[in-house]
PDB file of N, CA and C in Angstrom:
ATOM      1  N   UNK A   1      28.627 -25.177 -10.630  1.00  0.00           N
ATOM      2  CA  UNK A   1      27.324 -24.207 -10.485  1.00  0.00           C
ATOM      3  C   UNK A   1      27.474 -23.281  -9.689  1.00  0.00           C
ATOM      4  N   UNK A   2      28.060 -22.897  -8.644  1.00  0.00           N
ATOM      5  CA  UNK A   2      28.320 -21.625  -8.174  1.00  0.00           C
ATOM      6  C   UNK A   2      28.669 -20.545  -9.226  1.00  0.00           C
ATOM      7  N   UNK A   3      29.344 -20.476 -10.266  1.00  0.00           N
ATOM      8  CA  UNK A   3      29.649 -19.959 -10.977  1.00  0.00           C
ATOM      9  C   UNK A   3      28.296 -19.533 -11.841  1.00  0.00           C
ATOM     10  N   UNK A   4      27.521 -20.481 -12.204  1.00  0.00           N
ATOM     11  CA  UNK A   4      26.531 -20.073 -13.034  1.00  0.00           C
ATOM     12  C   UNK A   4      25.223 -19.700 -12.217  1.00  0.00           C
ATOM     13  N   UNK A   5      25.473 -20.315 -10.579  1.00  0.00           N
ATOM     14  CA  UNK A   5      24.374 -19.208  -9.857  1.00  0.00           C
ATOM     15  C   UNK A   5      24.930 -17.622  -9.814  1.00  0.00           C
ATOM     16  N   UNK A   6      26.118 -17.487  -9.445  1.00  0.00           N
ATOM     17  CA  UNK A   6      26.354 -15.951  -9.388  1.00  0.00           C
ATOM     18  C   UNK A   6      26.247 -14.990 -10.684  1.00  0.00           C
ATOM     19  N   UNK A   7      26.374 -15.939 -11.987  1.00  0.00           N
ATOM     20  CA  UNK A   7      26.480 -15.040 -13.359  1.00  0.00           C
ATOM     21  C   UNK A   7      24.834 -14.437 -13.566  1.00  0.00           C
ATOM     22  N   UNK A   8      23.974 -15.640 -13.017  1.00  0.00           N
ATOM     23  CA  UNK A   8      22.841 -15.635 -13.373  1.00  0.00           C
ATOM     24  C   UNK A   8      22.214 -14.564 -12.490  1.00  0.00           C
ATOM     25  N   UNK A   9      22.912 -14.375 -11.453  1.00  0.00           N
ATOM     26  CA  UNK A   9      22.281 -13.891 -10.557  1.00  0.00           C
ATOM     27  C   UNK A   9      21.944 -12.390 -10.677  1.00  0.00           C
ATOM     28  N   UNK A  10      20.809 -11.195 -10.300  1.00  0.00           N
ATOM     29  CA  UNK A  10      20.459 -10.046 -10.815  1.00  0.00           C
ATOM     30  C   UNK A  10      21.282  -9.066 -10.409  1.00  0.00           C
ATOM     31  N   UNK A  11      21.538  -9.637  -8.748  1.00  0.00           N
ATOM     32  CA  UNK A  11      22.165  -8.652  -7.763  1.00  0.00           C
ATOM     33  C   UNK A  11      23.582  -8.673  -8.173  1.00  0.00           C
ATOM     34  N   UNK A  12      24.552  -9.893  -8.450  1.00  0.00           N
ATOM     35  CA  UNK A  12      25.736  -9.662  -8.888  1.00  0.00           C
ATOM     36  C   UNK A  12      25.921  -9.222  -9.668  1.00  0.00           C
ATOM     37  N   UNK A  13      24.542  -9.328 -11.049  1.00  0.00           N
ATOM     38  CA  UNK A  13      25.335  -8.699 -12.218  1.00  0.00           C
ATOM     39  C   UNK A  13      24.999  -7.092 -12.052  1.00  0.00           C
ATOM     40  N   UNK A  14      24.414  -6.762 -11.048  1.00  0.00           N
ATOM     41  CA  UNK A  14      24.499  -5.056 -11.085  1.00  0.00           C
ATOM     42  C   UNK A  14      25.655  -4.491  -9.840  1.00  0.00           C
ATOM     43  N   UNK A  15      26.223  -5.402  -9.186  1.00  0.00           N
ATOM     44  CA  UNK A  15      27.257  -5.404  -8.388  1.00  0.00           C
ATOM     45  C   UNK A  15      28.566  -5.342  -9.383  1.00  0.00           C
ATOM     46  N   UNK A  16      28.681  -6.094 -10.373  1.00  0.00           N
ATOM     47  CA  UNK A  16      30.093  -5.788 -10.950  1.00  0.00           C
ATOM     48  C   UNK A  16      29.684  -6.374 -12.117  1.00  0.00           C
ATOM     49  N   UNK A  17      28.693  -5.712 -13.051  1.00  0.00           N
ATOM     50  CA  UNK A  17      28.530  -5.745 -14.311  1.00  0.00           C
ATOM     51  C   UNK A  17      29.794  -6.090 -15.212  1.00  0.00           C
ATOM     52  N   UNK A  18      30.629  -5.644 -15.168  1.00  0.00           N
ATOM     53  CA  UNK A  18      31.960  -6.200 -16.293  1.00  0.00           C
ATOM     54  C   UNK A  18      32.506  -7.258 -15.911  1.00  0.00           C
ATOM     55  N   UNK A  19      31.970  -8.317 -15.035  1.00  0.00           N
ATOM     56  CA  UNK A  19      32.641  -9.320 -14.653  1.00  0.00           C
ATOM     57  C   UNK A  19      31.429 -10.542 -14.706  1.00  0.00           C
ATOM     58  N   UNK A  20      30.471 -10.103 -14.422  1.00  0.00           N
ATOM     59  CA  UNK A  20      29.531 -11.483 -14.713  1.00  0.00           C
ATOM     60  C   UNK A  20      28.673 -10.640 -15.743  1.00  0.00           C
ATOM     61  N   UNK A  21      27.776 -11.857 -16.714  1.00  0.00           N
ATOM     62  CA  UNK A  21      27.038 -11.700 -17.463  1.00  0.00           C
ATOM     63  C   UNK A  21      27.922 -12.293 -18.410  1.00  0.00           C
ATOM     64  N   UNK A  22      28.196 -13.282 -18.656  1.00  0.00           N
ATOM     65  CA  UNK A  22      28.657 -14.120 -19.392  1.00  0.00           C
ATOM     66  C   UNK A  22      27.262 -15.414 -19.905  1.00  0.00           C
ATOM     67  N   UNK A  23      26.645 -15.515 -19.048  1.00  0.00           N
ATOM     68  CA  UNK A  23      25.435 -16.072 -19.676  1.00  0.00           C
ATOM     69  C   UNK A  23      24.501 -15.631 -19.685  1.00  0.00           C
ATOM     70  N   UNK A  24      23.831 -15.919 -21.061  1.00  0.00           N
ATOM     71  CA  UNK A  24      22.195 -14.389 -21.585  1.00  0.00           C
ATOM     72  C   UNK A  24      21.223 -14.698 -20.292  1.00  0.00           C
ATOM     73  N   UNK A  25      20.729 -13.095 -20.280  1.00  0.00           N
ATOM     74  CA  UNK A  25      19.595 -13.079 -19.483  1.00  0.00           C
ATOM     75  C   UNK A  25      18.313 -14.132 -19.519  1.00  0.00           C
ATOM     76  N   UNK A  26      18.031 -14.462 -20.986  1.00  0.00           N
ATOM     77  CA  UNK A  26      16.883 -15.085 -21.533  1.00  0.00           C
ATOM     78  C   UNK A  26      16.819 -16.606 -21.248  1.00  0.00           C
ATOM     79  N   UNK A  27      15.824 -17.164 -21.043  1.00  0.00           N
ATOM     80  CA  UNK A  27      16.258 -18.801 -20.739  1.00  0.00           C
ATOM     81  C   UNK A  27      16.279 -19.478 -22.565  1.00  0.00           C
ATOM     82  N   UNK A  28      16.164 -18.549 -23.470  1.00  0.00           N
ATOM     83  CA  UNK A  28      15.868 -19.195 -25.310  1.00  0.00           C
ATOM     84  C   UNK A  28      17.456 -19.337 -25.316  1.00  0.00           C
ATOM     85  N   UNK A  29      17.980 -18.193 -24.839  1.00  0.00           N
ATOM     86  CA  UNK A  29      19.659 -17.738 -25.377  1.00  0.00           C
ATOM     87  C   UNK A  29      20.194 -19.096 -24.676  1.00  0.00           C
ATOM     88  N   UNK A  30      20.101 -19.200 -23.107  1.00  0.00           N
ATOM     89  CA  UNK A  30      21.209 -20.266 -22.595  1.00  0.00           C
ATOM     90  C   UNK A  30      20.593 -21.867 -23.004  1.00  0.00           C
ATOM     91  N   UNK A  31      19.644 -21.778 -23.209  1.00  0.00           N
ATOM     92  CA  UNK A  31      19.070 -22.998 -23.754  1.00  0.00           C
ATOM     93  C   UNK A  31      19.745 -23.347 -25.206  1.00  0.00           C
ATOM     94  N   UNK A  32      19.696 -22.249 -26.148  1.00  0.00           N
ATOM     95  CA  UNK A  32      20.180 -22.353 -27.359  1.00  0.00           C
ATOM     96  C   UNK A  32      22.189 -22.436 -27.247  1.00  0.00           C
ATOM     97  N   UNK A  33      22.309 -21.749 -26.517  1.00  0.00           N
ATOM     98  CA  UNK A  33      24.152 -22.487 -26.395  1.00  0.00           C
ATOM     99  C   UNK A  33      24.227 -23.565 -25.563  1.00  0.00           C
ATOM    100  N   UNK A  34      23.193 -23.903 -24.859  1.00  0.00           N
ATOM    101  CA  UNK A  34      23.488 -25.715 -24.535  1.00  0.00           C
ATOM    102  C   UNK A  34      23.281 -26.403 -25.661  1.00  0.00           C
ATOM    103  N   UNK A  35      22.575 -26.058 -26.398  1.00  0.00           N
ATOM    104  CA  UNK A  35      22.314 -27.144 -27.194  1.00  0.00           C
ATOM    105  C   UNK A  35      23.529 -26.906 -28.423  1.00  0.00           C
ATOM    106  N   UNK A  36      24.111 -26.028 -28.841  1.00  0.00           N
ATOM    107  CA  UNK A  36      25.140 -25.316 -29.639  1.00  0.00           C
ATOM    108  C   UNK A  36      26.115 -26.472 -28.865  1.00  0.00           C
ATOM    109  N   UNK A  37      26.572 -26.444 -27.385  1.00  0.00           N
ATOM    110  CA  UNK A  37      27.949 -27.390 -27.065  1.00  0.00           C
ATOM    111  C   UNK A  37      27.516 -28.214 -27.368  1.00  0.00           C
ATOM    112  N   UNK A  38      26.417 -28.934 -26.905  1.00  0.00           N
ATOM    113  CA  UNK A  38      26.051 -30.689 -27.326  1.00  0.00           C
ATOM    114  C   UNK A  38      26.321 -30.986 -28.227  1.00  0.00           C
ATOM    115  N   UNK A  39      25.744 -30.498 -29.275  1.00  0.00           N
ATOM    116  CA  UNK A  39      25.960 -30.473 -30.787  1.00  0.00           C
ATOM    117  C   UNK A  39      27.383 -30.557 -31.143  1.00  0.00           C
ATOM    118  N   UNK A  40      28.565 -29.591 -30.845  1.00  0.00           N
ATOM    119  CA  UNK A  40      29.724 -29.356 -30.891  1.00  0.00           C
ATOM    120  C   UNK A  40      30.404 -30.645 -30.556  1.00  0.00           C
ATOM    121  N   UNK A  41      29.816 -31.259 -28.971  1.00  0.00           N
ATOM    122  CA  UNK A  41      30.462 -32.003 -28.748  1.00  0.00           C
ATOM    123  C   UNK A  41      30.268 -33.178 -29.239  1.00  0.00           C
ATOM    124  N   UNK A  42      28.974 -33.759 -29.405  1.00  0.00           N
ATOM    125  CA  UNK A  42      28.732 -35.117 -29.867  1.00  0.00           C
ATOM    126  C   UNK A  42      29.232 -34.810 -31.444  1.00  0.00           C
ATOM    127  N   UNK A  43      29.621 -33.608 -32.372  1.00  0.00           N
ATOM    128  CA  UNK A  43      30.140 -33.997 -33.708  1.00  0.00           C
ATOM    129  C   UNK A  43      31.677 -34.423 -33.438  1.00  0.00           C
ATOM    130  N   UNK A  44      32.357 -33.583 -32.546  1.00  0.00           N
ATOM    131  CA  UNK A  44      33.552 -34.529 -32.444  1.00  0.00           C
ATOM    132  C   UNK A  44      33.753 -35.223 -31.757  1.00  0.00           C
ATOM    133  N   UNK A  45      33.077 -36.099 -31.100  1.00  0.00           N
ATOM    134  CA  UNK A  45      33.325 -37.347 -30.458  1.00  0.00           C
ATOM    135  C   UNK A  45      32.743 -38.704 -31.435  1.00  0.00           C
ATOM    136  N   UNK A  46      31.852 -37.926 -32.606  1.00  0.00           N
ATOM    137  CA  UNK A  46      31.536 -38.459 -33.864  1.00  0.00           C
ATOM    138  C   UNK A  46      32.642 -38.928 -35.414  1.00  0.00           C
ATOM    139  N   UNK A  47      33.394 -37.608 -34.845  1.00  0.00           N
ATOM    140  CA  UNK A  47      34.327 -37.087 -35.879  1.00  0.00           C
ATOM    141  C   UNK A  47      35.621 -38.147 -35.645  1.00  0.00           C
ATOM    142  N   UNK A  48      35.372 -38.194 -34.373  1.00  0.00           N
ATOM    143  CA  UNK A  48      36.720 -38.822 -33.228  1.00  0.00           C
ATOM    144  C   UNK A  48      36.788 -40.277 -33.883  1.00  0.00           C
ATOM    145  N   UNK A  49      35.505 -40.838 -33.695  1.00  0.00           N
ATOM    146  CA  UNK A  49      35.111 -42.299 -34.085  1.00  0.00           C
ATOM    147  C   UNK A  49      35.565 -42.677 -35.395  1.00  0.00           C
ATOM    148  N   UNK A  50      35.003 -41.616 -36.666  1.00  0.00           N
ATOM    149  CA  UNK A  50      34.927 -41.994 -37.647  1.00  0.00           C
ATOM    150  C   UNK A  50      36.285 -42.172 -38.136  1.00  0.00           C
ATOM    151  N   UNK A  51      37.128 -40.665 -37.697  1.00  0.00           N
ATOM    152  CA  UNK A  51      38.535 -40.906 -38.203  1.00  0.00           C
ATOM    153  C   UNK A  51      39.518 -42.214 -37.441  1.00  0.00           C
ATOM    154  N   UNK A  52      38.903 -42.953 -36.514  1.00  0.00           N
ATOM    155  CA  UNK A  52      39.485 -44.044 -35.832  1.00  0.00           C
ATOM    156  C   UNK A  52      39.176 -45.134 -36.606  1.00  0.00           C
ATOM    157  N   UNK A  53      38.090 -45.245 -37.543  1.00  0.00           N
ATOM    158  CA  UNK A  53      37.270 -46.339 -38.044  1.00  0.00           C
ATOM    159  C   UNK A  53      36.777 -47.615 -36.912  1.00  0.00           C
ATOM    160  N   UNK A  54      35.987 -46.411 -35.667  1.00  0.00           N
ATOM    161  CA  UNK A  54      35.420 -47.014 -35.046  1.00  0.00           C
ATOM    162  C   UNK A  54      34.272 -47.069 -34.758  1.00  0.00           C
ATOM    163  N   UNK A  55      33.410 -46.079 -35.415  1.00  0.00           N
ATOM    164  CA  UNK A  55      32.293 -45.531 -35.189  1.00  0.00           C
ATOM    165  C   UNK A  55      30.736 -46.588 -35.255  1.00  0.00           C
ATOM    166  N   UNK A  56      31.022 -47.991 -36.186  1.00  0.00           N
ATOM    167  CA  UNK A  56      29.881 -48.651 -36.057  1.00  0.00           C
ATOM    168  C   UNK A  56      29.869 -49.438 -34.804  1.00  0.00           C
ATOM    169  N   UNK A  57      28.971 -50.060 -34.109  1.00  0.00           N
ATOM    170  CA  UNK A  57      29.022 -50.178 -32.768  1.00  0.00           C
ATOM    171  C   UNK A  57      28.876 -52.233 -33.563  1.00  0.00           C
ATOM    172  N   UNK A  58      28.921 -52.653 -32.162  1.00  0.00           N
ATOM    173  CA  UNK A  58      29.226 -54.241 -32.377  1.00  0.00           C
ATOM    174  C   UNK A  58      28.165 -55.157 -33.131  1.00  0.00           C
ATOM    175  N   UNK A  59      26.987 -54.440 -33.209  1.00  0.00           N
ATOM    176  CA  UNK A  59      26.564 -55.333 -33.823  1.00  0.00           C
ATOM    177  C   UNK A  59      27.062 -55.916 -35.173  1.00  0.00           C
ATOM    178  N   UNK A  60      27.021 -57.319 -36.152  1.00  0.00           N
ATOM    179  CA  UNK A  60      27.252 -57.532 -37.071  1.00  0.00           C
ATOM    180  C   UNK A  60      26.634 -57.555 -38.468  1.00  0.00           C
ATOM    181  N   UNK A  61      26.140 -56.403 -38.362  1.00  0.00           N
ATOM    182  CA  UNK A  61      25.018 -55.788 -39.371  1.00  0.00           C
ATOM    183  C   UNK A  61      25.669 -55.350 -40.993  1.00  0.00           C
ATOM    184  N   UNK A  62      24.895 -55.395 -41.516  1.00  0.00           N
ATOM    185  CA  UNK A  62      25.199 -54.865 -43.322  1.00  0.00           C
ATOM    186  C   UNK A  62      24.420 -53.619 -43.624  1.00  0.00           C
ATOM    187  N   UNK A  63      25.261 -52.885 -44.326  1.00  0.00           N
ATOM    188  CA  UNK A  63      24.087 -51.706 -44.973  1.00  0.00           C
ATOM    189  C   UNK A  63      23.785 -50.918 -43.780  1.00  0.00           C
ATOM    190  N   UNK A  64      22.852 -49.956 -44.403  1.00  0.00           N
ATOM    191  CA  UNK A  64      22.338 -48.915 -43.667  1.00  0.00           C
ATOM    192  C   UNK A  64      21.932 -49.214 -42.132  1.00  0.00           C
ATOM    193  N   UNK A  65      21.538 -50.328 -42.022  1.00  0.00           N
ATOM    194  CA  UNK A  65      20.831 -50.654 -40.586  1.00  0.00           C
ATOM    195  C   UNK A  65      22.245 -50.768 -39.595  1.00  0.00           C
ATOM    196  N   UNK A  66      23.138 -50.966 -40.379  1.00  0.00           N
ATOM    197  CA  UNK A  66      24.644 -50.860 -39.288  1.00  0.00           C
ATOM    198  C   UNK A  66      25.028 -49.510 -38.613  1.00  0.00           C
ATOM    199  N   UNK A  67      24.483 -48.324 -39.738  1.00  0.00           N
ATOM    200  CA  UNK A  67      24.695 -47.030 -39.434  1.00  0.00           C
ATOM    201  C   UNK A  67      23.564 -46.554 -38.345  1.00  0.00           C
ATOM    202  N   UNK A  68      22.009 -47.188 -39.068  1.00  0.00           N
ATOM    203  CA  UNK A  68      21.041 -46.564 -38.017  1.00  0.00           C
ATOM    204  C   UNK A  68      20.722 -47.050 -36.627  1.00  0.00           C
ATOM    205  N   UNK A  69      21.739 -47.951 -36.578  1.00  0.00           N
ATOM    206  CA  UNK A  69      21.767 -48.454 -35.078  1.00  0.00           C
ATOM    207  C   UNK A  69      22.828 -47.705 -34.421  1.00  0.00           C
ATOM    208  N   UNK A  70      23.927 -47.780 -35.387  1.00  0.00           N
ATOM    209  CA  UNK A  70      25.622 -47.708 -34.617  1.00  0.00           C
ATOM    210  C   UNK A  70      24.943 -45.646 -33.969  1.00  0.00           C
ATOM    211  N   UNK A  71      24.654 -44.682 -34.463  1.00  0.00           N
ATOM    212  CA  UNK A  71      24.345 -43.684 -33.979  1.00  0.00           C
ATOM    213  C   UNK A  71      23.273 -43.307 -32.791  1.00  0.00           C
ATOM    214  N   UNK A  72      22.314 -44.025 -32.457  1.00  0.00           N
ATOM    215  CA  UNK A  72      21.929 -44.236 -31.180  1.00  0.00           C
ATOM    216  C   UNK A  72      22.511 -44.487 -30.284  1.00  0.00           C
ATOM    217  N   UNK A  73      23.402 -45.751 -30.580  1.00  0.00           N
ATOM    218  CA  UNK A  73      24.266 -46.369 -29.442  1.00  0.00           C
ATOM    219  C   UNK A  73      25.444 -45.507 -29.375  1.00  0.00           C
ATOM    220  N   UNK A  74      26.118 -44.609 -29.770  1.00  0.00           N
ATOM    221  CA  UNK A  74      27.057 -43.625 -29.392  1.00  0.00           C
ATOM    222  C   UNK A  74      26.668 -42.763 -28.965  1.00  0.00           C
ATOM    223  N   UNK A  75      25.571 -42.222 -29.175  1.00  0.00           N
ATOM    224  CA  UNK A  75      24.735 -40.878 -29.099  1.00  0.00           C
ATOM    225  C   UNK A  75      24.637 -41.359 -27.392  1.00  0.00           C
ATOM    226  N   UNK A  76      24.071 -42.003 -26.941  1.00  0.00           N
ATOM    227  CA  UNK A  76      23.574 -42.880 -25.573  1.00  0.00           C
ATOM    228  C   UNK A  76      24.894 -43.006 -24.731  1.00  0.00           C
ATOM    229  N   UNK A  77      25.964 -43.698 -25.318  1.00  0.00           N
ATOM    230  CA  UNK A  77      27.199 -44.169 -24.368  1.00  0.00           C
ATOM    231  C   UNK A  77      27.845 -42.876 -24.225  1.00  0.00           C
ATOM    232  N   UNK A  78      27.814 -41.884 -25.180  1.00  0.00           N
ATOM    233  CA  UNK A  78      28.243 -40.381 -25.088  1.00  0.00           C
ATOM    234  C   UNK A  78      27.437 -39.547 -24.113  1.00  0.00           C
ATOM    235  N   UNK A  79      26.434 -39.785 -24.223  1.00  0.00           N
ATOM    236  CA  UNK A  79      25.468 -39.080 -22.682  1.00  0.00           C
ATOM    237  C   UNK A  79      25.874 -39.528 -21.583  1.00  0.00           C
ATOM    238  N   UNK A  80      25.644 -40.799 -21.646  1.00  0.00           N
ATOM    239  CA  UNK A  80      26.465 -41.533 -20.453  1.00  0.00           C
ATOM    240  C   UNK A  80      27.750 -40.926 -19.296  1.00  0.00           C
ATOM    241  N   UNK A  81      28.627 -40.918 -20.342  1.00  0.00           N
ATOM    242  CA  UNK A  81      29.912 -40.602 -19.968  1.00  0.00           C
ATOM    243  C   UNK A  81      29.672 -39.524 -19.646  1.00  0.00           C
ATOM    244  N   UNK A  82      29.059 -38.646 -20.247  1.00  0.00           N
ATOM    245  CA  UNK A  82      29.501 -37.005 -20.231  1.00  0.00           C
ATOM    246  C   UNK A  82      28.304 -36.539 -18.280  1.00  0.00           C
ATOM    247  N   UNK A  83      26.996 -37.368 -18.185  1.00  0.00           N
ATOM    248  CA  UNK A  83      26.564 -36.987 -16.941  1.00  0.00           C
ATOM    249  C   UNK A  83      26.713 -38.250 -15.798  1.00  0.00           C
ATOM    250  N   UNK A  84      27.563 -39.153 -16.343  1.00  0.00           N
ATOM    251  CA  UNK A  84      27.843 -40.366 -14.801  1.00  0.00           C
ATOM    252  C   UNK A  84      29.227 -40.153 -14.806  1.00  0.00           C
ATOM    253  N   UNK A  85      30.234 -40.059 -15.617  1.00  0.00           N
ATOM    254  CA  UNK A  85      31.914 -40.282 -15.868  1.00  0.00           C
ATOM    255  C   UNK A  85      32.095 -41.983 -15.713  1.00  0.00           C
ATOM    256  N   UNK A  86      31.085 -42.927 -15.828  1.00  0.00           N
ATOM    257  CA  UNK A  86      31.342 -44.205 -15.713  1.00  0.00           C
ATOM    258  C   UNK A  86      32.973 -44.608 -16.146  1.00  0.00           C
ATOM    259  N   UNK A  87      33.425 -45.143 -15.207  1.00  0.00           N
ATOM    260  CA  UNK A  87      34.736 -45.382 -15.706  1.00  0.00           C
ATOM    261  C   UNK A  87      34.769 -46.653 -16.577  1.00  0.00           C
ATOM    262  N   UNK A  88      33.594 -47.646 -16.263  1.00  0.00           N
ATOM    263  CA  UNK A  88      33.536 -48.487 -17.461  1.00  0.00           C
ATOM    264  C   UNK A  88      33.551 -47.903 -18.951  1.00  0.00           C
ATOM    265  N   UNK A  89      33.087 -46.959 -19.198  1.00  0.00           N
ATOM    266  CA  UNK A  89      32.837 -46.980 -20.501  1.00  0.00           C
ATOM    267  C   UNK A  89      34.600 -46.416 -21.244  1.00  0.00           C
ATOM    268  N   UNK A  90      35.729 -46.039 -20.495  1.00  0.00           N
ATOM    269  CA  UNK A  90      36.792 -45.393 -21.034  1.00  0.00           C
ATOM    270  C   UNK A  90      37.547 -46.482 -22.074  1.00  0.00           C
ATOM    271  N   UNK A  91      36.914 -47.601 -21.835  1.00  0.00           N
ATOM    272  CA  UNK A  91      37.820 -48.843 -22.869  1.00  0.00           C
ATOM    273  C   UNK A  91      37.783 -48.206 -23.812  1.00  0.00           C
ATOM    274  N   UNK A  92      38.927 -48.739 -25.079  1.00  0.00           N
ATOM    275  CA  UNK A  92      39.171 -48.065 -26.491  1.00  0.00           C
ATOM    276  C   UNK A  92      37.730 -48.538 -27.530  1.00  0.00           C
ATOM    277  N   UNK A  93      36.736 -49.290 -26.886  1.00  0.00           N
ATOM    278  CA  UNK A  93      35.705 -49.997 -27.861  1.00  0.00           C
ATOM    279  C   UNK A  93      34.379 -48.510 -27.773  1.00  0.00           C
ATOM    280  N   UNK A  94      34.614 -48.083 -26.310  1.00  0.00           N
ATOM    281  CA  UNK A  94      33.386 -47.772 -26.257  1.00  0.00           C
ATOM    282  C   UNK A  94      33.878 -45.775 -26.500  1.00  0.00           C
ATOM    283  N   UNK A  95      34.912 -45.333 -25.198  1.00  0.00           N
ATOM    284  CA  UNK A  95      35.215 -43.760 -25.464  1.00  0.00           C
ATOM    285  C   UNK A  95      36.255 -43.607 -25.791  1.00  0.00           C
ATOM    286  N   UNK A  96      37.338 -44.646 -25.592  1.00  0.00           N
ATOM    287  CA  UNK A  96      38.684 -44.562 -26.070  1.00  0.00           C
ATOM    288  C   UNK A  96      39.304 -42.979 -25.379  1.00  0.00           C
ATOM    289  N   UNK A  97      40.257 -42.836 -26.533  1.00  0.00           N
ATOM    290  CA  UNK A  97      40.868 -41.297 -25.895  1.00  0.00           C
ATOM    291  C   UNK A  97      40.213 -40.022 -25.753  1.00  0.00           C
ATOM    292  N   UNK A  98      38.839 -40.312 -26.078  1.00  0.00           N
ATOM    293  CA  UNK A  98      37.678 -39.317 -26.140  1.00  0.00           C
ATOM    294  C   UNK A  98      37.269 -39.101 -24.440  1.00  0.00           C
ATOM    295  N   UNK A  99      37.895 -40.227 -23.625  1.00  0.00           N
ATOM    296  CA  UNK A  99      37.097 -40.069 -21.942  1.00  0.00           C
ATOM    297  C   UNK A  99      38.182 -39.503 -21.844  1.00  0.00           C
ATOM    298  N   UNK A 100      39.536 -39.569 -22.120  1.00  0.00           N
ATOM    299  CA  UNK A 100      40.422 -38.642 -21.219  1.00  0.00           C
ATOM    300  C   UNK A 100      40.250 -37.379 -21.342  1.00  0.00           C
ATOM    301  N   UNK A 101      40.010 -36.868 -22.661  1.00  0.00           N
ATOM    302  CA  UNK A 101      39.872 -35.787 -22.291  1.00  0.00           C
ATOM    303  C   UNK A 101      38.764 -34.900 -21.864  1.00  0.00           C
ATOM    304  N   UNK A 102      37.609 -35.405 -21.615  1.00  0.00           N
ATOM    305  CA  UNK A 102      36.154 -35.312 -20.806  1.00  0.00           C
ATOM    306  C   UNK A 102      37.029 -35.136 -19.503  1.00  0.00           C
ATOM    307  N   UNK A 103      37.672 -36.417 -18.909  1.00  0.00           N
ATOM    308  CA  UNK A 103      38.003 -35.984 -17.529  1.00  0.00           C
ATOM    309  C   UNK A 103      38.965 -34.370 -17.250  1.00  0.00           C
ATOM    310  N   UNK A 104      39.601 -34.410 -18.254  1.00  0.00           N
ATOM    311  CA  UNK A 104      40.647 -33.702 -18.649  1.00  0.00           C
ATOM    312  C   UNK A 104      39.969 -32.128 -18.558  1.00  0.00           C
ATOM    313  N   UNK A 105      38.860 -32.066 -19.302  1.00  0.00           N
ATOM    314  CA  UNK A 105      37.437 -31.040 -19.318  1.00  0.00           C
ATOM    315  C   UNK A 105      36.926 -30.417 -17.780  1.00  0.00           C
ATOM    316  N   UNK A 106      36.673 -31.759 -17.638  1.00  0.00           N
ATOM    317  CA  UNK A 106      35.857 -31.530 -15.968  1.00  0.00           C
ATOM    318  C   UNK A 106      36.511 -31.392 -15.111  1.00  0.00           C
ATOM    319  N   UNK A 107      37.884 -31.473 -15.026  1.00  0.00           N
ATOM    320  CA  UNK A 107      38.861 -30.939 -13.940  1.00  0.00           C
ATOM    321  C   UNK A 107      39.069 -29.572 -14.177  1.00  0.00           C
ATOM    322  N   UNK A 108      39.234 -29.163 -15.374  1.00  0.00           N
ATOM    323  CA  UNK A 108      39.378 -27.730 -15.882  1.00  0.00           C
ATOM    324  C   UNK A 108      40.547 -27.567 -16.345  1.00  0.00           C
ATOM    325  N   UNK A 109      41.619 -28.556 -16.964  1.00  0.00           N
ATOM    326  CA  UNK A 109      42.762 -28.559 -17.533  1.00  0.00           C
ATOM    327  C   UNK A 109      43.521 -28.543 -16.569  1.00  0.00           C
ATOM    328  N   UNK A 110      43.253 -28.725 -15.266  1.00  0.00           N
ATOM    329  CA  UNK A 110      44.536 -27.974 -14.139  1.00  0.00           C
ATOM    330  C   UNK A 110      45.338 -28.932 -14.087  1.00  0.00           C
ATOM    331  N   UNK A 111      46.459 -28.507 -13.587  1.00  0.00           N
ATOM    332  CA  UNK A 111      47.913 -29.399 -13.433  1.00  0.00           C
ATOM    333  C   UNK A 111      48.180 -28.912 -12.266  1.00  0.00           C
ATOM    334  N   UNK A 112      49.101 -29.913 -11.661  1.00  0.00           N
ATOM    335  CA  UNK A 112      49.482 -29.564 -10.209  1.00  0.00           C
ATOM    336  C   UNK A 112      50.803 -29.030 -10.280  1.00  0.00           C
ATOM    337  N   UNK A 113      51.252 -28.291  -9.598  1.00  0.00           N
ATOM    338  CA  UNK A 113      52.799 -27.373  -9.638  1.00  0.00           C
ATOM    339  C   UNK A 113      53.331 -27.718  -8.618  1.00  0.00           C
TER     340      UNK A 113
END
């Protein structure tokens, strides 16, 4: 959050304009980029689940209702994992290997040397 605060600060942008400024000035632009990120992240997660043939949720239902119920379930689980990092969601039927990717992104991909 410090990076966001400093980048959005008009004072910091005046001091070092070539470094600060990756976050747009207008709130609408910032919201748009946030929605792009969430859509890309969810899309990647849904694609991961579809490729692994694990998209449909536990309910033993048939037809379109199975898809209609699976989308909000997967969406909710992904949001919960994103904002809380619940370790209980790391199981293969919930987040699977995607949970590891989230932890790596959260840590910034840093490795000990």
